[in-house]
């Protein structure tokens, strides 16, 4: 099955995530403030990372489902997606400082490593399938 994500899909995805970010802001504003995190700065980081996340995800999905892309390009897009996924939460972790204890850091880095391992596994499986 070949899936191709078009520019119109990317724009729709961006609009959806921007709306989702605004809902998150409204719902979690009080919680963020109570943890010493500026909700507007978090919202800013959350919203500016949406285009890179969506474009990167679409490139990765297209590369894994049909369009052959060189390994370095796939890796670059994977890193772009990872950075855009993590940036708002890295800000929250840094701004929340004392509230973010050792257990929270362990969970945070464990999630990052699991996401990275899954990305590498998925890309590798896609490349192996293309060679066969």
Protein backbone atom coordinates (compact mmCIF):
# COMPACT_ATOMS: atom_id res chain seq x y z
CA UNK A 1 0.00 0.00 0.00
CA UNK A 2 1.49 3.31 -1.10
CA UNK A 3 0.57 6.39 0.89
CA UNK A 4 1.52 9.83 -0.32
CA UNK A 5 1.02 12.85 1.92
CA UNK A 6 0.40 15.97 -0.16
CA UNK A 7 0.95 19.62 0.73
CA UNK A 8 -2.79 20.07 1.35
CA UNK A 9 -2.64 17.27 3.92
CA UNK A 10 0.33 18.95 5.58
CA UNK A 11 -1.53 22.27 5.84
CA UNK A 12 -4.59 20.54 7.31
CA UNK A 13 -2.37 18.76 9.84
CA UNK A 14 -0.76 22.05 10.84
CA UNK A 15 -4.13 23.72 11.36
CA UNK A 16 -5.31 20.78 13.46
CA UNK A 17 -2.20 20.82 15.67
CA UNK A 18 -2.35 24.60 16.11
CA UNK A 19 -5.96 24.27 17.32
CA UNK A 20 -4.88 21.41 19.60
CA UNK A 21 -2.07 23.60 21.00
CA UNK A 22 -4.56 26.36 21.84
CA UNK A 23 -6.84 23.85 23.61
CA UNK A 24 -3.82 22.54 25.57
CA UNK A 25 -2.97 26.11 26.55
CA UNK A 26 -6.47 26.81 27.83
CA UNK A 27 -6.74 23.51 29.72
CA UNK A 28 -3.25 23.39 31.22
CA UNK A 29 -2.50 27.09 31.74
CA UNK A 30 -3.04 26.93 35.51
CA UNK A 31 -0.98 23.75 35.91
CA UNK A 32 1.94 25.21 33.96
CA UNK A 33 1.86 28.41 36.02
CA UNK A 34 1.81 26.42 39.27
CA UNK A 35 4.99 24.63 38.14
CA UNK A 36 6.81 27.86 37.33
CA UNK A 37 6.41 27.52 33.54
CA UNK A 38 5.22 30.50 31.51
CA UNK A 39 2.23 29.13 29.54
CA UNK A 40 2.60 31.71 26.74
CA UNK A 41 6.24 30.77 26.14
CA UNK A 42 5.29 27.09 26.15
CA UNK A 43 2.47 27.84 23.67
CA UNK A 44 4.92 29.79 21.49
CA UNK A 45 7.38 26.88 21.36
CA UNK A 46 4.52 24.44 20.82
CA UNK A 47 3.16 26.43 17.87
CA UNK A 48 6.43 27.27 16.09
CA UNK A 49 7.47 23.62 16.06
CA UNK A 50 4.29 22.45 14.29
CA UNK A 51 5.42 23.15 10.68
CA UNK A 52 8.75 21.34 11.11
CA UNK A 53 7.03 18.43 12.83
CA UNK A 54 4.34 18.05 10.16
CA UNK A 55 6.66 18.45 7.17
CA UNK A 56 9.21 16.11 8.72
CA UNK A 57 6.59 13.47 9.52
CA UNK A 58 5.17 13.64 6.01
CA UNK A 59 8.65 13.20 4.50
CA UNK A 60 9.32 10.22 6.74
CA UNK A 61 5.96 8.61 6.00
CA UNK A 62 6.41 9.16 2.27
CA UNK A 63 9.93 7.73 2.46
CA UNK A 64 8.73 4.63 4.31
CA UNK A 65 5.74 3.99 2.07
CA UNK A 66 6.90 4.60 -1.44
CA UNK A 67 9.29 7.41 -2.25
CA UNK A 68 12.80 6.10 -1.84
CA UNK A 69 14.93 8.57 0.09
CA UNK A 70 18.63 8.26 0.88
CA UNK A 71 19.51 7.25 4.44
CA UNK A 72 21.14 10.63 5.31
CA UNK A 73 17.99 12.50 4.24
CA UNK A 74 15.79 10.16 6.26
CA UNK A 75 18.04 10.65 9.27
CA UNK A 76 17.96 14.44 8.91
CA UNK A 77 14.14 14.47 8.70
CA UNK A 78 13.99 12.13 11.70
CA UNK A 79 16.15 14.48 13.74
CA UNK A 80 14.02 17.45 12.66
CA UNK A 81 10.88 15.63 13.83
CA UNK A 82 12.55 14.69 17.12
CA UNK A 83 13.71 18.25 17.83
CA UNK A 84 10.31 19.71 16.97
CA UNK A 85 8.61 17.16 19.18
CA UNK A 86 10.84 17.81 22.18
CA UNK A 87 11.49 21.57 22.12
CA UNK A 88 8.39 22.69 24.09
CA UNK A 89 8.92 19.98 26.68
CA UNK A 90 12.62 20.74 27.06
CA UNK A 91 11.61 24.34 27.77
CA UNK A 92 9.05 23.11 30.33
CA UNK A 93 11.67 20.90 31.99
CA UNK A 94 14.19 23.73 32.20
CA UNK A 95 11.67 26.37 33.29
CA UNK A 96 10.10 24.02 35.84
CA UNK A 97 13.57 23.50 37.28
CA UNK A 98 13.15 22.41 40.91
CA UNK A 99 9.76 20.82 40.17
CA UNK A 100 11.43 18.48 37.67
CA UNK A 101 13.11 15.95 39.96
CA UNK A 102 15.42 13.02 39.11
CA UNK A 103 12.58 10.59 38.42
CA UNK A 104 11.03 13.04 35.95
CA UNK A 105 14.38 13.40 34.14
CA UNK A 106 14.78 9.61 33.96
CA UNK A 107 11.29 9.24 32.49
CA UNK A 108 11.92 12.15 30.10
CA UNK A 109 15.19 10.69 28.73
CA UNK A 110 13.75 7.18 28.63
CA UNK A 111 10.91 8.44 26.43
CA UNK A 112 13.37 10.25 24.16
CA UNK A 113 15.51 7.14 23.78
CA UNK A 114 12.48 4.95 23.10
CA UNK A 115 11.19 7.37 20.45
CA UNK A 116 14.62 7.50 18.83
CA UNK A 117 15.01 3.71 18.91
CA UNK A 118 11.57 3.26 17.37
CA UNK A 119 12.37 5.80 14.65
CA UNK A 120 15.62 4.04 13.78
CA UNK A 121 13.92 0.61 13.83
CA UNK A 122 11.11 1.79 11.57
CA UNK A 123 13.46 3.47 9.10
CA UNK A 124 15.73 0.44 9.05
CA UNK A 125 12.79 -1.92 8.47
CA UNK A 126 11.59 0.29 5.62
CA UNK A 127 15.02 0.34 4.00
CA UNK A 128 15.35 -3.44 4.31
CA UNK A 129 11.92 -3.92 2.76
CA UNK A 130 12.86 -1.64 -0.16
CA UNK A 131 16.02 -3.64 -0.87
CA UNK A 132 14.06 -6.90 -1.07
